[in-house]
C-alpha cells in the first residue's frame, strides 16, 4: 500500500495492485451512472449492482498498472465467472481506498481523530485530575 491509495491484494490467480486514481474514478462514475461515494455506499449497504463490483475491480486493476485488455480478461474470468459475493469485499476495499484513503495513508502516525487516546488533548482523565474528590453523597 502507498499514499496514492493503491492496495496490493491477493486476488484471483495472484497478487495484484489495485488503484482508482481520478481518471479511473471518472470512468467508474460513467460506467455505473453514479458517483464513487454512491457506489461505495451501495457496495456496503447491499444495494449494489453487478456492474458496481466488476467495474471497480477492472478499473482498479488498470489503475494499478495492468493493461486494459488484461484487466478485462481477468475481470471476465474471475469476477463475471463467479457469484458476485465472491468479489464484493475486494471491490469494497479498492473503492474505499480510492475515496477515503488506504489504511496506511496517515503516514504511519497513529492517533488523532482515529484514536483520541493517542492524541494530545485538553481533556484530562479523571484519575489524573488535580481536583479534589467529589463531596456529593453516595446514594444509599
C-alpha atoms as a PDB file:
ATOM      1  CA  UNK A   1       0.000   0.000   0.000  1.00  0.00           C
ATOM      2  CA  UNK A   2       1.090   3.531  -0.534  1.00  0.00           C
ATOM      3  CA  UNK A   3      -0.023   7.121  -0.139  1.00  0.00           C
ATOM      4  CA  UNK A   4      -1.609   7.088  -3.610  1.00  0.00           C
ATOM      5  CA  UNK A   5      -4.473   4.854  -2.416  1.00  0.00           C
ATOM      6  CA  UNK A   6      -3.002   1.770  -4.071  1.00  0.00           C
ATOM      7  CA  UNK A   7      -3.698  -1.589  -2.477  1.00  0.00           C
ATOM      8  CA  UNK A   8      -1.775  -4.766  -3.085  1.00  0.00           C
ATOM      9  CA  UNK A   9      -4.134  -7.683  -2.578  1.00  0.00           C
ATOM     10  CA  UNK A  10      -4.200 -11.424  -3.112  1.00  0.00           C
ATOM     11  CA  UNK A  11      -6.941 -11.909  -5.679  1.00  0.00           C
ATOM     12  CA  UNK A  12      -7.819 -14.448  -8.348  1.00  0.00           C
ATOM     13  CA  UNK A  13      -4.614 -16.129  -9.538  1.00  0.00           C
ATOM     14  CA  UNK A  14      -2.022 -13.928  -7.837  1.00  0.00           C
ATOM     15  CA  UNK A  15      -1.154 -10.724  -6.027  1.00  0.00           C
ATOM     16  CA  UNK A  16      -2.304  -7.542  -7.760  1.00  0.00           C
ATOM     17  CA  UNK A  17      -2.074  -3.816  -7.253  1.00  0.00           C
ATOM     18  CA  UNK A  18      -5.418  -2.015  -7.360  1.00  0.00           C
ATOM     19  CA  UNK A  19      -5.713   1.745  -7.618  1.00  0.00           C
ATOM     20  CA  UNK A  20      -8.518   4.061  -8.605  1.00  0.00           C
ATOM     21  CA  UNK A  21      -6.992   7.433  -9.436  1.00  0.00           C
ATOM     22  CA  UNK A  22      -9.039  10.407 -10.629  1.00  0.00           C
ATOM     23  CA  UNK A  23      -9.268   9.143 -14.239  1.00  0.00           C
ATOM     24  CA  UNK A  24     -10.456   5.690 -13.171  1.00  0.00           C
ATOM     25  CA  UNK A  25     -12.988   7.229 -10.776  1.00  0.00           C
ATOM     26  CA  UNK A  26     -14.394   9.292 -13.652  1.00  0.00           C
ATOM     27  CA  UNK A  27     -14.669   6.155 -15.798  1.00  0.00           C
ATOM     28  CA  UNK A  28     -16.307   4.313 -12.916  1.00  0.00           C
ATOM     29  CA  UNK A  29     -18.798   7.124 -12.475  1.00  0.00           C
ATOM     30  CA  UNK A  30     -19.726   6.971 -16.168  1.00  0.00           C
ATOM     31  CA  UNK A  31     -19.891   3.173 -16.289  1.00  0.00           C
ATOM     32  CA  UNK A  32     -22.120   2.899 -13.204  1.00  0.00           C
ATOM     33  CA  UNK A  33     -24.079   6.141 -13.665  1.00  0.00           C
ATOM     34  CA  UNK A  34     -23.330   7.187 -10.093  1.00  0.00           C
ATOM     35  CA  UNK A  35     -20.643   8.976  -8.145  1.00  0.00           C
ATOM     36  CA  UNK A  36     -17.873   6.986  -6.450  1.00  0.00           C
ATOM     37  CA  UNK A  37     -19.242   7.536  -2.955  1.00  0.00           C
ATOM     38  CA  UNK A  38     -22.733   6.460  -4.032  1.00  0.00           C
ATOM     39  CA  UNK A  39     -21.219   3.301  -5.494  1.00  0.00           C
ATOM     40  CA  UNK A  40     -19.233   2.709  -2.302  1.00  0.00           C
ATOM     41  CA  UNK A  41     -22.403   3.096  -0.242  1.00  0.00           C
ATOM     42  CA  UNK A  42     -24.183   0.604  -2.496  1.00  0.00           C
ATOM     43  CA  UNK A  43     -21.331  -1.880  -2.084  1.00  0.00           C
ATOM     44  CA  UNK A  44     -21.539  -1.506   1.685  1.00  0.00           C
ATOM     45  CA  UNK A  45     -25.299  -1.395   2.223  1.00  0.00           C
ATOM     46  CA  UNK A  46     -26.126  -4.282  -0.104  1.00  0.00           C
ATOM     47  CA  UNK A  47     -27.896  -2.277  -2.803  1.00  0.00           C
ATOM     48  CA  UNK A  48     -25.007  -2.826  -5.251  1.00  0.00           C
ATOM     49  CA  UNK A  49     -25.405  -3.646  -8.886  1.00  0.00           C
ATOM     50  CA  UNK A  50     -23.381  -6.285 -10.718  1.00  0.00           C
ATOM     51  CA  UNK A  51     -21.573  -3.572 -12.705  1.00  0.00           C
ATOM     52  CA  UNK A  52     -20.507  -1.853  -9.471  1.00  0.00           C
ATOM     53  CA  UNK A  53     -18.389  -4.840  -8.493  1.00  0.00           C
ATOM     54  CA  UNK A  54     -16.943  -5.673 -11.908  1.00  0.00           C
ATOM     55  CA  UNK A  55     -16.139  -2.071 -12.869  1.00  0.00           C
ATOM     56  CA  UNK A  56     -14.438  -1.285  -9.565  1.00  0.00           C
ATOM     57  CA  UNK A  57     -12.213  -4.330  -9.918  1.00  0.00           C
ATOM     58  CA  UNK A  58     -11.482  -3.859 -13.648  1.00  0.00           C
ATOM     59  CA  UNK A  59     -10.684  -0.163 -13.317  1.00  0.00           C
ATOM     60  CA  UNK A  60      -8.743  -0.805 -10.116  1.00  0.00           C
ATOM     61  CA  UNK A  61      -6.533  -3.280 -11.959  1.00  0.00           C
ATOM     62  CA  UNK A  62      -5.982  -0.775 -14.778  1.00  0.00           C
ATOM     63  CA  UNK A  63      -5.146   1.969 -12.289  1.00  0.00           C
ATOM     64  CA  UNK A  64      -2.781  -0.461 -10.589  1.00  0.00           C
ATOM     65  CA  UNK A  65      -0.820  -0.861 -13.816  1.00  0.00           C
ATOM     66  CA  UNK A  66      -2.427  -3.800 -15.623  1.00  0.00           C
ATOM     67  CA  UNK A  67      -3.061  -3.358 -19.348  1.00  0.00           C
ATOM     68  CA  UNK A  68      -6.762  -2.670 -20.047  1.00  0.00           C
ATOM     69  CA  UNK A  69      -7.222  -5.837 -22.144  1.00  0.00           C
ATOM     70  CA  UNK A  70      -5.576  -8.000 -19.486  1.00  0.00           C
ATOM     71  CA  UNK A  71      -7.717  -6.362 -16.780  1.00  0.00           C
ATOM     72  CA  UNK A  72     -10.854  -7.018 -18.839  1.00  0.00           C
ATOM     73  CA  UNK A  73      -9.924 -10.686 -19.322  1.00  0.00           C
ATOM     74  CA  UNK A  74      -9.171 -11.126 -15.615  1.00  0.00           C
ATOM     75  CA  UNK A  75     -12.458  -9.455 -14.694  1.00  0.00           C
ATOM     76  CA  UNK A  76     -14.417 -11.681 -17.076  1.00  0.00           C
ATOM     77  CA  UNK A  77     -12.704 -14.792 -15.726  1.00  0.00           C
ATOM     78  CA  UNK A  78     -12.532 -14.065 -12.003  1.00  0.00           C
ATOM     79  CA  UNK A  79     -15.452 -11.710 -11.404  1.00  0.00           C
ATOM     80  CA  UNK A  80     -18.101 -12.488 -14.008  1.00  0.00           C
ATOM     81  CA  UNK A  81     -17.258 -16.189 -13.749  1.00  0.00           C
ATOM     82  CA  UNK A  82     -18.182 -16.319 -10.036  1.00  0.00           C
ATOM     83  CA  UNK A  83     -21.007 -15.348  -7.724  1.00  0.00           C
ATOM     84  CA  UNK A  84     -20.956 -11.580  -7.048  1.00  0.00           C
ATOM     85  CA  UNK A  85     -20.406 -12.016  -3.308  1.00  0.00           C
ATOM     86  CA  UNK A  86     -17.062 -13.699  -4.040  1.00  0.00           C
ATOM     87  CA  UNK A  87     -15.621 -10.314  -5.097  1.00  0.00           C
ATOM     88  CA  UNK A  88     -17.695  -7.901  -3.042  1.00  0.00           C
ATOM     89  CA  UNK A  89     -15.099  -7.401  -0.291  1.00  0.00           C
ATOM     90  CA  UNK A  90     -12.343  -6.750  -2.841  1.00  0.00           C
ATOM     91  CA  UNK A  91     -14.494  -4.115  -4.563  1.00  0.00           C
ATOM     92  CA  UNK A  92     -15.307  -2.504  -1.204  1.00  0.00           C
ATOM     93  CA  UNK A  93     -11.623  -2.334  -0.246  1.00  0.00           C
ATOM     94  CA  UNK A  94     -10.485  -0.929  -3.605  1.00  0.00           C
ATOM     95  CA  UNK A  95     -13.146   1.780  -3.813  1.00  0.00           C
ATOM     96  CA  UNK A  96     -12.840   2.648  -0.130  1.00  0.00           C
ATOM     97  CA  UNK A  97      -9.094   3.207  -0.533  1.00  0.00           C
ATOM     98  CA  UNK A  98      -9.774   5.473  -3.510  1.00  0.00           C
ATOM     99  CA  UNK A  99     -12.480   7.548  -1.849  1.00  0.00           C
ATOM    100  CA  UNK A 100     -11.361   7.575   1.788  1.00  0.00           C
ATOM    101  CA  UNK A 101      -7.685   6.626   1.542  1.00  0.00           C
ATOM    102  CA  UNK A 102      -5.670   3.491   2.035  1.00  0.00           C
ATOM    103  CA  UNK A 103      -5.336   2.264   5.640  1.00  0.00           C
ATOM    104  CA  UNK A 104      -1.708   3.411   5.920  1.00  0.00           C
ATOM    105  CA  UNK A 105      -2.275   6.895   4.496  1.00  0.00           C
ATOM    106  CA  UNK A 106      -1.907   8.503   7.891  1.00  0.00           C
ATOM    107  CA  UNK A 107       1.838   8.375   7.177  1.00  0.00           C
ATOM    108  CA  UNK A 108       2.460   5.888   9.950  1.00  0.00           C
ATOM    109  CA  UNK A 109       1.128   8.362  12.514  1.00  0.00           C
ATOM    110  CA  UNK A 110      -1.478   6.658  14.623  1.00  0.00           C
ATOM    111  CA  UNK A 111      -3.955   8.548  16.696  1.00  0.00           C
ATOM    112  CA  UNK A 112      -5.552  11.926  16.286  1.00  0.00           C
ATOM    113  CA  UNK A 113      -9.161  11.528  15.156  1.00  0.00           C
ATOM    114  CA  UNK A 114      -8.903   7.776  14.706  1.00  0.00           C
ATOM    115  CA  UNK A 115      -7.570   7.206  18.205  1.00  0.00           C
ATOM    116  CA  UNK A 116      -8.400  10.027  20.597  1.00  0.00           C
ATOM    117  CA  UNK A 117      -6.444   8.428  23.443  1.00  0.00           C
ATOM    118  CA  UNK A 118      -3.226   8.683  21.431  1.00  0.00           C
ATOM    119  CA  UNK A 119      -3.668  12.342  20.569  1.00  0.00           C
ATOM    120  CA  UNK A 120      -2.773  15.216  22.786  1.00  0.00           C
ATOM    121  CA  UNK A 121      -5.963  16.550  24.258  1.00  0.00           C
ATOM    122  CA  UNK A 122      -7.005  19.366  26.519  1.00  0.00           C
ATOM    123  CA  UNK A 123      -9.304  16.966  28.347  1.00  0.00           C
ATOM    124  CA  UNK A 124      -7.823  15.300  31.373  1.00  0.00           C
ATOM    125  CA  UNK A 125      -8.799  11.876  32.576  1.00  0.00           C
ATOM    126  CA  UNK A 126     -10.403  11.584  35.991  1.00  0.00           C
ATOM    127  CA  UNK A 127      -7.632   9.566  37.576  1.00  0.00           C
ATOM    128  CA  UNK A 128      -5.078  12.235  36.616  1.00  0.00           C
ATOM    129  CA  UNK A 129      -7.134  15.133  37.864  1.00  0.00           C
ATOM    130  CA  UNK A 130      -5.743  17.610  40.400  1.00  0.00           C
ATOM    131  CA  UNK A 131      -9.281  18.347  41.563  1.00  0.00           C
ATOM    132  CA  UNK A 132     -10.358  17.124  45.000  1.00  0.00           C
ATOM    133  CA  UNK A 133     -12.715  14.133  45.120  1.00  0.00           C
ATOM    134  CA  UNK A 134     -16.405  14.848  44.795  1.00  0.00           C
ATOM    135  CA  UNK A 135     -18.229  15.792  48.002  1.00  0.00           C
ATOM    136  CA  UNK A 136     -21.562  14.568  46.711  1.00  0.00           C
ATOM    137  CA  UNK A 137     -23.168  11.946  48.929  1.00  0.00           C
ATOM    138  CA  UNK A 138     -23.350   8.444  47.572  1.00  0.00           C
ATOM    139  CA  UNK A 139     -26.868   7.093  47.052  1.00  0.00           C
ATOM    140  CA  UNK A 140     -27.963   4.750  49.813  1.00  0.00           C
END
